[in-house]
Protein backbone atom coordinates (compact mmCIF):
# COMPACT_ATOMS: atom_id res chain seq x y z
CA MET A 1 -6.04 14.45 5.90
CA THR A 2 -2.47 15.69 4.84
CA THR A 3 0.09 14.26 3.15
CA PRO A 4 3.16 12.40 4.18
CA VAL A 5 6.29 14.04 3.71
CA VAL A 6 8.69 12.68 2.08
CA THR A 7 12.20 12.27 2.99
CA LEU A 8 16.06 10.64 2.57
CA ARG A 9 16.44 8.39 4.85
CA GLU A 10 19.89 6.60 6.47
CA ILE A 11 19.48 3.01 6.46
CA THR A 12 20.16 1.22 10.16
CA GLY A 13 21.17 -2.18 11.53
CA GLU A 14 17.52 -1.24 13.20
CA THR A 15 15.97 -0.57 9.72
CA VAL A 16 18.16 -2.05 7.14
CA ARG A 17 15.44 -5.18 7.29
CA THR A 18 12.14 -3.43 6.84
CA ILE A 19 14.04 -1.89 4.15
CA CYS A 20 14.62 -5.40 2.14
CA GLU A 21 11.59 -6.43 2.53
CA LEU A 22 10.04 -3.70 0.27
CA GLU A 23 9.23 -4.22 -2.63
CA PRO A 24 7.83 -3.63 -6.37
CA HIS A 25 4.59 -4.76 -7.78
CA GLU A 26 5.06 -7.98 -8.46
CA ALA A 27 4.73 -7.27 -12.43
CA GLN A 28 7.80 -4.67 -11.82
CA SER A 29 9.96 -7.29 -9.60
CA GLY A 30 12.66 -7.71 -13.32
CA PHE A 31 13.08 -3.84 -13.38
CA VAL A 32 15.02 -3.22 -10.02
CA ALA A 33 17.29 -5.11 -8.00
CA PRO A 34 16.47 -6.59 -4.62
CA ASN A 35 17.31 -4.08 -1.81
CA ALA A 36 19.29 -6.62 0.18
CA VAL A 37 20.93 -7.44 -3.38
CA SER A 38 21.54 -3.48 -3.94
CA ILE A 39 22.75 -2.35 -0.23
CA ALA A 40 24.56 -5.27 -0.68
CA GLN A 41 26.54 -4.01 -3.64
CA ALA A 42 26.16 -0.36 -1.76
CA HIS A 43 28.67 -1.81 0.68
CA PHE A 44 31.57 -2.56 -1.77
CA ASN A 45 31.26 0.50 -3.76
CA PRO A 46 32.74 2.77 -1.23
CA ASP A 47 31.62 5.84 -4.10
CA ALA A 48 27.71 4.31 -3.70
CA VAL A 49 25.50 6.77 -1.57
CA PHE A 50 21.39 4.98 -0.73
CA TRP A 51 18.82 6.24 1.00
CA ALA A 52 15.74 4.30 2.71
CA ILE A 53 12.38 6.61 1.10
CA TYR A 54 9.82 7.54 3.92
CA ALA A 55 6.86 9.14 3.82
CA GLY A 56 5.95 10.52 6.94
CA ASP A 57 7.76 7.71 9.39
CA GLU A 58 6.30 4.77 6.80
CA PRO A 59 9.39 2.81 4.92
CA VAL A 60 8.42 3.56 1.12
CA GLY A 61 11.07 2.94 -0.57
CA PHE A 62 14.65 2.99 -1.80
CA ILE A 63 16.92 5.39 -3.55
CA MET A 64 20.76 4.40 -4.70
CA TRP A 65 22.96 6.16 -6.63
CA ARG A 66 26.79 7.72 -7.31
CA PRO A 67 28.71 9.51 -8.84
CA GLU A 68 30.31 8.86 -12.23
CA ASP A 69 34.04 9.11 -13.10
CA ASP A 70 33.70 12.53 -15.19
CA GLY A 71 33.15 14.68 -11.00
CA ALA A 72 29.88 16.45 -13.39
CA SER A 73 27.77 13.52 -13.35
CA CYS A 74 26.00 11.47 -11.07
CA PHE A 75 23.76 8.03 -11.64
CA LEU A 76 21.10 7.20 -10.71
CA TRP A 77 22.02 3.49 -9.94
CA ARG A 78 18.75 2.21 -7.85
CA PHE A 79 15.14 3.49 -7.53
CA MET A 80 11.73 1.50 -5.96
CA ILE A 81 8.64 2.44 -4.32
CA ASP A 82 7.12 -0.59 -2.66
CA GLY A 83 3.96 -1.35 -4.83
CA ARG A 84 1.62 -0.58 -1.88
CA HIS A 85 2.48 3.18 -1.77
CA GLN A 86 2.90 3.92 -5.25
CA GLY A 87 0.47 6.62 -6.94
CA LYS A 88 0.62 8.45 -3.52
CA GLY A 89 3.51 10.33 -5.31
CA TYR A 90 6.46 9.41 -3.47
CA GLY A 91 8.46 8.67 -6.24
CA ARG A 92 7.83 12.03 -7.86
CA GLU A 93 8.75 13.76 -4.08
CA ALA A 94 11.80 11.28 -3.34
CA ILE A 95 13.22 12.15 -6.88
CA ALA A 96 13.14 15.34 -6.73
CA LEU A 97 14.18 16.26 -3.09
CA TRP A 98 18.06 13.75 -4.26
CA LEU A 99 18.34 16.39 -7.90
CA GLU A 100 17.37 18.85 -5.85
CA GLY A 101 20.59 18.40 -3.48
CA LEU A 102 23.18 17.45 -6.53
CA PRO A 103 24.68 20.98 -8.12
CA ALA A 104 24.93 22.31 -4.49
CA GLN A 105 27.54 19.14 -4.80
CA GLY A 106 29.10 20.04 -8.51
CA TYR A 107 27.02 18.02 -10.75
CA THR A 108 25.56 19.09 -13.57
CA LEU A 109 24.11 16.09 -15.39
CA ALA A 110 21.95 12.91 -13.87
CA ARG A 111 22.24 9.34 -15.64
CA LEU A 112 20.68 6.43 -15.91
CA SER A 113 19.17 3.32 -17.28
CA TYR A 114 16.44 1.30 -17.42
CA VAL A 115 15.01 -2.08 -18.40
CA PRO A 116 12.59 -1.49 -21.26
CA GLY A 117 9.20 -2.91 -21.20
CA ALA A 118 5.21 -2.78 -20.69
CA ALA A 119 5.59 -2.35 -16.78
CA GLY A 120 8.77 0.05 -16.59
CA PRO A 121 10.00 3.07 -14.43
CA HIS A 122 10.36 4.84 -18.47
CA GLY A 123 7.44 6.34 -19.01
CA PHE A 124 7.84 8.29 -15.02
CA TYR A 125 12.34 9.35 -15.51
CA LEU A 126 10.40 11.00 -18.95
CA ALA A 127 8.01 12.72 -16.73
CA ARG A 128 10.60 14.03 -14.02
CA GLY A 129 12.68 15.62 -16.61
CA PHE A 130 14.57 12.48 -18.33
CA GLN A 131 15.86 12.32 -21.86
CA ASP A 132 16.23 9.27 -23.88
CA THR A 133 20.48 9.16 -24.81
CA GLY A 134 19.90 7.23 -28.05
CA GLU A 135 22.37 4.45 -25.81
CA THR A 136 21.86 1.27 -24.89
CA ARG A 137 24.38 -0.59 -23.01
CA ALA A 138 25.70 -4.45 -23.31
CA ASN A 139 22.56 -6.25 -20.72
CA GLY A 140 20.01 -4.08 -23.23
CA GLU A 141 19.51 -1.15 -20.52
CA ARG A 142 18.41 2.37 -22.14
CA LEU A 143 20.20 5.44 -21.05
CA MET A 144 18.40 8.52 -20.09
CA GLU A 145 20.45 12.00 -18.97
CA LEU A 146 18.73 15.12 -16.85
CA ALA A 147 21.28 18.38 -17.14
CA LEU A 148 21.18 20.23 -13.27
């Protein structure tokens, strides 16, 4: 059995409901906003870029990012893989695809924040090469970055 190819695709009127129904494991629900909220926020932020994550022809997740004011860094705003599709490598592939495309757009630094906790994404991001900055936002989220 071959592993499905992971791609990042535009969310359309035909696919938005399916993407909004994707959700992480219940224990992870406090670590990322629902996709419907993220898509709504993206429509009010002209700099937001968002895609559905597909494995083959099946939607498995969501990714959203935005450029930062310095023009050289970007911020991973949201990232989630549906609970039914975790542990299959789709998250690793999706982050790799996102990161691969950034240098061609002039970015030299990728940043993100995460909610600390036992079921949180900290270890996942460390394994992708992100490093803790030591900064904590007012809302308690901790910052990480990766030089591209």
